[in-house]
Each structure stands twice: as structure tokens, then as C-alpha cells.
Amino acid sequence: MIFCVEDDSNIRELVVYTLETTGFQARGFEEGKSFLEALALETPDLILMDIMLPGEDGISLLKRLKNSSKTRDIPVIMVTAKGAEYDKVKGLDLGADDYVTKPFGMMELVSRIKAVLRRSGAAKKKAEDIIVSGNLEINTKKHEVKADGEVIGLTLKEYELLKRLMENPNIVMTRDSLLEEIWGYDFDGETRTVDVHIRTLRQKLGKCGERVETVRGVGYRISE
């Protein structure tokens, strides 16, 4: 889904129509208020943002987006009649991914959108390959663990234990749930298996092993 915030109804309708005929879903908004209301209910894949808008302008809206953890990673292309270098630099410095100056060709706009989506998709995929918690880092693609920047050799079960804990920060993972999810079974008297692996994991992680906390009588967690 692509949101297009544009006060000129002719341009807005043409952009939405062009996007829908080239395989995208799109919604148009005349001003910031309706755009923000829709954004609270749905997260688009990309936002086209005009600068000159009635009420709150596009630069102010861009600041809002980039200051919120919920929306800061949504790609934004600024679309405006302003062609001055200052306006371009200001938008890009605030976190816009691209800048298109009116008048523009529809196919050029579609091409720019596809390029930004490719870049943001690659960045997202790269980010998903890395799990970070303090000085601990897991590269899931390389199956590699680093503690204080040093690569640590772990067994498969130790790696899976650490990965599960780091994927669920601040959440207490019970011994039973870890045993079932990582070893694939769950029966009385065998949760000691988890404790033994946690102990060796802590030893291998050195000082970073202190991050693996015991919640007495329940299980383990890694706090942010």
C-alpha cells in the first residue's frame, strides 16, 4: 500500500490511478489530518508526501514520521513544486528517501518508487539478519555470535538458546518452553538439560554471559 498526500486533486487522482494500474495499491489524502488518521490504522509500504499542504505542511509531517518508532522506517518520497536546493536538502536531512520535483512524469515516479522499495526491502532484510542486545550480536545468516565484538564458538543448542532469548527481550522464557521449542520434547525431570546448556553458554560468553538472567522458579531472560 502506498499513501499519497497531495492537495491538488488532479495530481492526487492521477498518481493513485497510475499506481493502481501498475500493480500497486494506493490511497490519496488531501491534507495531513486524514493522512495521520489513516496511518494510525494502517502502515503503508511507502509514502508520497507533498510539502505545500493545507494546515500542517509536508516537512512537519515528515518530522512526525521520523520521530516515531512506529513510522520512522517507512520510506518517504517528497513530491513538491519547490525545486530549490535548500528544500531538497532539508527534506533529505530529515530522513526522506528521495525527492521528486513537479512537474514529473508518471512513469518516472513509478520507477523512483520501485527503486526506493528495493532499497528499503534490502535494508530491512539485512537488519533482520542481525539480532543485537547490548554487546551481544547474532548474525543469523552466518550463524555467527559475537560478544564484545569477538566471535564466540557455540554448539547448535547453545546458539538456539541464545537466539530464542535475544528474539524475546525482557520476556521470561520458561524451562519447559525452551525444552519443547529447542529440543522438541517436554517431559518431567529433563528441564535440567536447559540449565546445563545455559551454564555453558554463560561461560562461553564471558562477561556478556551476565546478560542471561535467571528468574528463580521460572526460567531465563535477557533484559534490554
C-alpha atoms as a PDB file:
ATOM      1  CA  MET A   1       0.000   0.000   0.000  1.00  0.00           C
ATOM      2  CA  ILE A   2       1.236   3.478  -0.939  1.00  0.00           C
ATOM      3  CA  PHE A   3      -0.148   6.635   0.670  1.00  0.00           C
ATOM      4  CA  CYS A   4      -0.136   9.791  -1.460  1.00  0.00           C
ATOM      5  CA  VAL A   5      -0.513  13.060   0.462  1.00  0.00           C
ATOM      6  CA  GLU A   6      -1.254  15.719  -2.166  1.00  0.00           C
ATOM      7  CA  ASP A   7      -3.678  18.659  -2.002  1.00  0.00           C
ATOM      8  CA  ASP A   8      -4.060  19.030  -5.790  1.00  0.00           C
ATOM      9  CA  SER A   9      -6.919  16.633  -6.560  1.00  0.00           C
ATOM     10  CA  ASN A  10      -5.945  16.249 -10.239  1.00  0.00           C
ATOM     11  CA  ILE A  11      -2.381  15.194  -9.398  1.00  0.00           C
ATOM     12  CA  ARG A  12      -3.506  13.031  -6.471  1.00  0.00           C
ATOM     13  CA  GLU A  13      -6.066  11.128  -8.513  1.00  0.00           C
ATOM     14  CA  LEU A  14      -3.653  10.667 -11.415  1.00  0.00           C
ATOM     15  CA  VAL A  15      -0.923   9.333  -9.091  1.00  0.00           C
ATOM     16  CA  VAL A  16      -3.313   6.909  -7.391  1.00  0.00           C
ATOM     17  CA  TYR A  17      -4.695   5.748 -10.748  1.00  0.00           C
ATOM     18  CA  THR A  18      -1.202   5.249 -12.211  1.00  0.00           C
ATOM     19  CA  LEU A  19      -0.023   3.289  -9.188  1.00  0.00           C
ATOM     20  CA  GLU A  20      -3.074   1.035  -9.230  1.00  0.00           C
ATOM     21  CA  THR A  21      -2.674   0.326 -12.964  1.00  0.00           C
ATOM     22  CA  THR A  22       0.995  -0.592 -12.432  1.00  0.00           C
ATOM     23  CA  GLY A  23       0.304  -3.180  -9.754  1.00  0.00           C
ATOM     24  CA  PHE A  24       0.302  -1.161  -6.520  1.00  0.00           C
ATOM     25  CA  GLN A  25      -2.430  -0.453  -4.007  1.00  0.00           C
ATOM     26  CA  ALA A  26      -2.739   3.260  -3.277  1.00  0.00           C
ATOM     27  CA  ARG A  27      -4.743   5.753  -1.232  1.00  0.00           C
ATOM     28  CA  GLY A  28      -4.846   9.528  -1.598  1.00  0.00           C
ATOM     29  CA  PHE A  29      -5.130  12.180   1.101  1.00  0.00           C
ATOM     30  CA  GLU A  30      -5.754  15.902   0.655  1.00  0.00           C
ATOM     31  CA  GLU A  31      -4.115  17.028   3.900  1.00  0.00           C
ATOM     32  CA  GLY A  32      -2.248  15.825   6.960  1.00  0.00           C
ATOM     33  CA  LYS A  33      -5.150  15.209   9.341  1.00  0.00           C
ATOM     34  CA  SER A  34      -6.847  12.500   7.268  1.00  0.00           C
ATOM     35  CA  PHE A  35      -3.435  11.035   6.419  1.00  0.00           C
ATOM     36  CA  LEU A  36      -2.467  10.709  10.104  1.00  0.00           C
ATOM     37  CA  GLU A  37      -5.843   9.170  10.964  1.00  0.00           C
ATOM     38  CA  ALA A  38      -5.356   6.521   8.248  1.00  0.00           C
ATOM     39  CA  LEU A  39      -1.749   5.969   9.335  1.00  0.00           C
ATOM     40  CA  ALA A  40      -2.941   5.096  12.843  1.00  0.00           C
ATOM     41  CA  LEU A  41      -4.923   2.209  11.358  1.00  0.00           C
ATOM     42  CA  GLU A  42      -2.664   1.020   8.531  1.00  0.00           C
ATOM     43  CA  THR A  43       1.082   1.066   7.874  1.00  0.00           C
ATOM     44  CA  PRO A  44       1.847   1.711   4.190  1.00  0.00           C
ATOM     45  CA  ASP A  45       4.891   0.393   2.342  1.00  0.00           C
ATOM     46  CA  LEU A  46       5.787   3.896   1.159  1.00  0.00           C
ATOM     47  CA  ILE A  47       4.535   7.485   1.460  1.00  0.00           C
ATOM     48  CA  LEU A  48       4.489  10.169  -1.248  1.00  0.00           C
ATOM     49  CA  MET A  49       4.468  13.496   0.569  1.00  0.00           C
ATOM     50  CA  ASP A  50       3.831  16.945  -0.883  1.00  0.00           C
ATOM     51  CA  ILE A  51       5.477  19.825   1.004  1.00  0.00           C
ATOM     52  CA  MET A  52       2.879  22.553   0.368  1.00  0.00           C
ATOM     53  CA  LEU A  53      -0.246  21.271   2.117  1.00  0.00           C
ATOM     54  CA  PRO A  54      -3.182  22.999   3.808  1.00  0.00           C
ATOM     55  CA  GLY A  55      -2.737  23.010   7.584  1.00  0.00           C
ATOM     56  CA  GLU A  56       0.344  21.053   8.632  1.00  0.00           C
ATOM     57  CA  ASP A  57       2.942  21.067   5.847  1.00  0.00           C
ATOM     58  CA  GLY A  58       4.874  18.089   4.489  1.00  0.00           C
ATOM     59  CA  ILE A  59       8.125  18.910   6.289  1.00  0.00           C
ATOM     60  CA  SER A  60       6.329  18.957   9.645  1.00  0.00           C
ATOM     61  CA  LEU A  61       4.603  15.664   8.810  1.00  0.00           C
ATOM     62  CA  LEU A  62       7.947  14.135   7.795  1.00  0.00           C
ATOM     63  CA  LYS A  63       9.403  15.142  11.175  1.00  0.00           C
ATOM     64  CA  ARG A  64       6.490  13.413  12.897  1.00  0.00           C
ATOM     65  CA  LEU A  65       7.074  10.225  10.923  1.00  0.00           C
ATOM     66  CA  LYS A  66      10.797  10.101  11.620  1.00  0.00           C
ATOM     67  CA  ASN A  67      10.369  10.874  15.332  1.00  0.00           C
ATOM     68  CA  SER A  68       8.025   7.931  15.890  1.00  0.00           C
ATOM     69  CA  SER A  69       9.355   4.395  16.355  1.00  0.00           C
ATOM     70  CA  LYS A  70       6.205   3.078  14.650  1.00  0.00           C
ATOM     71  CA  THR A  71       6.678   5.033  11.421  1.00  0.00           C
ATOM     72  CA  ARG A  72      10.352   6.048  11.177  1.00  0.00           C
ATOM     73  CA  ASP A  73      11.243   3.135   8.893  1.00  0.00           C
ATOM     74  CA  ILE A  74       8.500   3.809   6.322  1.00  0.00           C
ATOM     75  CA  PRO A  75      10.159   5.075   3.101  1.00  0.00           C
ATOM     76  CA  VAL A  76       9.115   8.621   2.157  1.00  0.00           C
ATOM     77  CA  ILE A  77       9.436  10.349  -1.212  1.00  0.00           C
ATOM     78  CA  MET A  78       8.912  14.109  -1.081  1.00  0.00           C
ATOM     79  CA  VAL A  79       6.845  15.334  -4.047  1.00  0.00           C
ATOM     80  CA  THR A  80       6.620  19.094  -4.455  1.00  0.00           C
ATOM     81  CA  ALA A  81       6.650  22.077  -6.794  1.00  0.00           C
ATOM     82  CA  LYS A  82       9.515  23.507  -4.785  1.00  0.00           C
ATOM     83  CA  GLY A  83      12.724  22.842  -6.672  1.00  0.00           C
ATOM     84  CA  ALA A  84      15.149  24.884  -4.605  1.00  0.00           C
ATOM     85  CA  GLU A  85      18.219  23.023  -3.389  1.00  0.00           C
ATOM     86  CA  TYR A  86      17.522  24.150   0.192  1.00  0.00           C
ATOM     87  CA  ASP A  87      14.141  22.398   0.227  1.00  0.00           C
ATOM     88  CA  LYS A  88      15.621  19.207  -1.185  1.00  0.00           C
ATOM     89  CA  VAL A  89      18.448  19.155   1.341  1.00  0.00           C
ATOM     90  CA  LYS A  90      16.071  19.888   4.219  1.00  0.00           C
ATOM     91  CA  GLY A  91      13.780  17.010   3.264  1.00  0.00           C
ATOM     92  CA  LEU A  92      16.638  14.558   2.759  1.00  0.00           C
ATOM     93  CA  ASP A  93      18.330  15.612   6.005  1.00  0.00           C
ATOM     94  CA  LEU A  94      15.104  14.887   7.870  1.00  0.00           C
ATOM     95  CA  GLY A  95      15.077  11.339   6.525  1.00  0.00           C
ATOM     96  CA  ALA A  96      13.267  11.447   3.181  1.00  0.00           C
ATOM     97  CA  ASP A  97      14.409   8.635   0.872  1.00  0.00           C
ATOM     98  CA  ASP A  98      14.007  10.561  -2.396  1.00  0.00           C
ATOM     99  CA  TYR A  99      12.769  13.874  -3.775  1.00  0.00           C
ATOM    100  CA  VAL A 100      10.697  14.415  -6.931  1.00  0.00           C
ATOM    101  CA  THR A 101      10.022  17.911  -8.269  1.00  0.00           C
ATOM    102  CA  LYS A 102       6.832  18.822 -10.110  1.00  0.00           C
ATOM    103  CA  PRO A 103       6.114  18.557 -12.946  1.00  0.00           C
ATOM    104  CA  PHE A 104       7.168  14.928 -13.184  1.00  0.00           C
ATOM    105  CA  GLY A 105       6.348  12.031 -15.478  1.00  0.00           C
ATOM    106  CA  MET A 106       4.202   9.262 -14.022  1.00  0.00           C
ATOM    107  CA  MET A 107       6.497   6.509 -15.253  1.00  0.00           C
ATOM    108  CA  GLU A 108       9.481   8.293 -13.705  1.00  0.00           C
ATOM    109  CA  LEU A 109       7.600   8.436 -10.406  1.00  0.00           C
ATOM    110  CA  VAL A 110       6.767   4.724 -10.592  1.00  0.00           C
ATOM    111  CA  SER A 111      10.429   3.964 -11.339  1.00  0.00           C
ATOM    112  CA  ARG A 112      11.551   6.053  -8.346  1.00  0.00           C
ATOM    113  CA  ILE A 113       9.036   4.289  -6.096  1.00  0.00           C
ATOM    114  CA  LYS A 114      10.242   0.845  -7.186  1.00  0.00           C
ATOM    115  CA  ALA A 115      13.876   1.857  -6.596  1.00  0.00           C
ATOM    116  CA  VAL A 116      13.136   3.122  -3.068  1.00  0.00           C
ATOM    117  CA  LEU A 117      11.125  -0.010  -2.246  1.00  0.00           C
ATOM    118  CA  ARG A 118      14.011  -2.203  -3.453  1.00  0.00           C
ATOM    119  CA  ARG A 119      16.486  -0.300  -1.276  1.00  0.00           C
ATOM    120  CA  SER A 120      14.266  -0.324   1.789  1.00  0.00           C
ATOM    121  CA  GLY A 121      13.465  -4.016   1.303  1.00  0.00           C
ATOM    122  CA  ALA A 122      17.156  -4.878   1.107  1.00  0.00           C
ATOM    123  CA  ALA A 123      17.882  -2.774   4.192  1.00  0.00           C
ATOM    124  CA  LYS A 124      15.066  -4.437   6.107  1.00  0.00           C
ATOM    125  CA  LYS A 125      16.265  -7.899   5.110  1.00  0.00           C
ATOM    126  CA  LYS A 126      19.803  -7.023   6.172  1.00  0.00           C
ATOM    127  CA  ALA A 127      18.539  -5.713   9.514  1.00  0.00           C
ATOM    128  CA  GLU A 128      16.539  -8.899  10.065  1.00  0.00           C
ATOM    129  CA  ASP A 129      19.738 -10.926   9.625  1.00  0.00           C
ATOM    130  CA  ILE A 130      21.246  -9.232  12.689  1.00  0.00           C
ATOM    131  CA  ILE A 131      19.922  -9.528  16.256  1.00  0.00           C
ATOM    132  CA  VAL A 132      21.561  -7.180  18.763  1.00  0.00           C
ATOM    133  CA  SER A 133      21.229  -6.992  22.534  1.00  0.00           C
ATOM    134  CA  GLY A 134      23.789  -4.801  24.271  1.00  0.00           C
ATOM    135  CA  ASN A 135      27.245  -6.176  23.418  1.00  0.00           C
ATOM    136  CA  LEU A 136      25.765  -9.427  22.109  1.00  0.00           C
ATOM    137  CA  GLU A 137      25.157  -9.836  18.388  1.00  0.00           C
ATOM    138  CA  ILE A 138      23.836 -12.740  16.311  1.00  0.00           C
ATOM    139  CA  ASN A 139      24.200 -12.866  12.542  1.00  0.00           C
ATOM    140  CA  THR A 140      21.532 -15.408  11.630  1.00  0.00           C
ATOM    141  CA  LYS A 141      22.672 -15.596   8.019  1.00  0.00           C
ATOM    142  CA  LYS A 142      26.224 -16.510   9.004  1.00  0.00           C
ATOM    143  CA  HIS A 143      25.091 -18.434  12.100  1.00  0.00           C
ATOM    144  CA  GLU A 144      27.668 -16.359  13.990  1.00  0.00           C
ATOM    145  CA  VAL A 145      27.643 -14.990  17.553  1.00  0.00           C
ATOM    146  CA  LYS A 146      29.744 -12.076  18.788  1.00  0.00           C
ATOM    147  CA  ALA A 147      30.268 -10.992  22.394  1.00  0.00           C
ATOM    148  CA  ASP A 148      32.033  -7.640  22.857  1.00  0.00           C
ATOM    149  CA  GLY A 149      32.939  -7.814  19.159  1.00  0.00           C
ATOM    150  CA  GLU A 150      34.626 -11.228  19.450  1.00  0.00           C
ATOM    151  CA  VAL A 151      33.282 -14.262  17.595  1.00  0.00           C
ATOM    152  CA  ILE A 152      32.193 -16.970  20.048  1.00  0.00           C
ATOM    153  CA  GLY A 153      32.009 -20.665  19.179  1.00  0.00           C
ATOM    154  CA  LEU A 154      28.735 -22.196  20.376  1.00  0.00           C
ATOM    155  CA  THR A 155      27.105 -25.571  19.949  1.00  0.00           C
ATOM    156  CA  LEU A 156      23.869 -25.662  17.959  1.00  0.00           C
ATOM    157  CA  LYS A 157      21.711 -25.883  21.106  1.00  0.00           C
ATOM    158  CA  GLU A 158      23.614 -23.067  22.824  1.00  0.00           C
ATOM    159  CA  TYR A 159      23.170 -20.929  19.715  1.00  0.00           C
ATOM    160  CA  GLU A 160      19.454 -21.682  19.524  1.00  0.00           C
ATOM    161  CA  LEU A 161      19.017 -20.922  23.229  1.00  0.00           C
ATOM    162  CA  LEU A 162      20.747 -17.552  22.923  1.00  0.00           C
ATOM    163  CA  LYS A 163      18.857 -16.712  19.720  1.00  0.00           C
ATOM    164  CA  ARG A 164      15.492 -17.514  21.313  1.00  0.00           C
ATOM    165  CA  LEU A 165      16.271 -15.351  24.344  1.00  0.00           C
ATOM    166  CA  MET A 166      17.528 -12.424  22.236  1.00  0.00           C
ATOM    167  CA  GLU A 167      14.479 -12.596  19.977  1.00  0.00           C
ATOM    168  CA  ASN A 168      12.293 -12.136  23.056  1.00  0.00           C
ATOM    169  CA  PRO A 169      13.942  -9.357  25.100  1.00  0.00           C
ATOM    170  CA  ASN A 170      12.582  -8.794  28.639  1.00  0.00           C
ATOM    171  CA  ILE A 171      10.339 -11.859  28.306  1.00  0.00           C
ATOM    172  CA  VAL A 172      10.896 -14.756  30.690  1.00  0.00           C
ATOM    173  CA  MET A 173      11.237 -17.991  28.746  1.00  0.00           C
ATOM    174  CA  THR A 174      10.287 -20.972  30.909  1.00  0.00           C
ATOM    175  CA  ARG A 175      12.471 -24.057  31.021  1.00  0.00           C
ATOM    176  CA  ASP A 176       9.582 -26.157  29.713  1.00  0.00           C
ATOM    177  CA  SER A 177       9.001 -23.883  26.719  1.00  0.00           C
ATOM    178  CA  LEU A 178      12.722 -23.795  25.860  1.00  0.00           C
ATOM    179  CA  LEU A 179      12.967 -27.569  26.165  1.00  0.00           C
ATOM    180  CA  GLU A 180       9.994 -28.100  23.880  1.00  0.00           C
ATOM    181  CA  GLU A 181      10.918 -25.454  21.291  1.00  0.00           C
ATOM    182  CA  ILE A 182      14.641 -26.238  21.023  1.00  0.00           C
ATOM    183  CA  TRP A 183      14.915 -29.934  21.906  1.00  0.00           C
ATOM    184  CA  GLY A 184      11.490 -30.859  20.597  1.00  0.00           C
ATOM    185  CA  TYR A 185      10.209 -32.665  23.664  1.00  0.00           C
ATOM    186  CA  ASP A 186       8.690 -31.920  27.051  1.00  0.00           C
ATOM    187  CA  PHE A 187       8.626 -34.312  29.976  1.00  0.00           C
ATOM    188  CA  ASP A 188       9.178 -34.160  33.721  1.00  0.00           C
ATOM    189  CA  GLY A 189      12.675 -34.203  35.148  1.00  0.00           C
ATOM    190  CA  GLU A 190      14.512 -33.130  31.996  1.00  0.00           C
ATOM    191  CA  THR A 191      14.473 -29.331  32.388  1.00  0.00           C
ATOM    192  CA  ARG A 192      17.942 -29.719  33.950  1.00  0.00           C
ATOM    193  CA  THR A 193      19.113 -30.081  30.332  1.00  0.00           C
ATOM    194  CA  VAL A 194      18.261 -26.407  29.797  1.00  0.00           C
ATOM    195  CA  ASP A 195      20.111 -25.366  32.976  1.00  0.00           C
ATOM    196  CA  VAL A 196      23.276 -27.186  31.908  1.00  0.00           C
ATOM    197  CA  HIS A 197      23.287 -25.529  28.481  1.00  0.00           C
ATOM    198  CA  ILE A 198      22.608 -22.098  29.988  1.00  0.00           C
ATOM    199  CA  ARG A 199      25.580 -22.575  32.314  1.00  0.00           C
ATOM    200  CA  THR A 200      27.982 -23.448  29.488  1.00  0.00           C
ATOM    201  CA  LEU A 201      26.526 -20.652  27.351  1.00  0.00           C
ATOM    202  CA  ARG A 202      27.244 -18.095  30.078  1.00  0.00           C
ATOM    203  CA  GLN A 203      30.795 -19.379  30.449  1.00  0.00           C
ATOM    204  CA  LYS A 204      31.495 -19.047  26.724  1.00  0.00           C
ATOM    205  CA  LEU A 205      30.024 -15.540  26.558  1.00  0.00           C
ATOM    206  CA  GLY A 206      32.332 -14.330  29.323  1.00  0.00           C
ATOM    207  CA  LYS A 207      31.224 -11.041  30.867  1.00  0.00           C
ATOM    208  CA  CYS A 208      28.325 -10.853  28.379  1.00  0.00           C
ATOM    209  CA  GLY A 209      27.013 -14.062  29.926  1.00  0.00           C
ATOM    210  CA  GLU A 210      25.779 -11.966  32.846  1.00  0.00           C
ATOM    211  CA  ARG A 211      23.090 -10.673  30.475  1.00  0.00           C
ATOM    212  CA  VAL A 212      21.401 -14.097  30.652  1.00  0.00           C
ATOM    213  CA  GLU A 213      19.359 -13.706  33.829  1.00  0.00           C
ATOM    214  CA  THR A 214      17.823 -16.469  35.920  1.00  0.00           C
ATOM    215  CA  VAL A 215      14.265 -15.871  37.057  1.00  0.00           C
ATOM    216  CA  ARG A 216      14.080 -18.179  40.036  1.00  0.00           C
ATOM    217  CA  GLY A 217      11.499 -20.911  39.752  1.00  0.00           C
ATOM    218  CA  VAL A 218      10.500 -19.862  36.234  1.00  0.00           C
ATOM    219  CA  GLY A 219      13.236 -19.728  33.619  1.00  0.00           C
ATOM    220  CA  TYR A 220      15.568 -17.285  31.847  1.00  0.00           C
ATOM    221  CA  ARG A 221      15.536 -13.943  30.093  1.00  0.00           C
ATOM    222  CA  ILE A 222      17.756 -11.306  28.520  1.00  0.00           C
ATOM    223  CA  SER A 223      16.856  -7.775  29.602  1.00  0.00           C
ATOM    224  CA  GLU A 224      17.294  -4.854  27.240  1.00  0.00           C
END
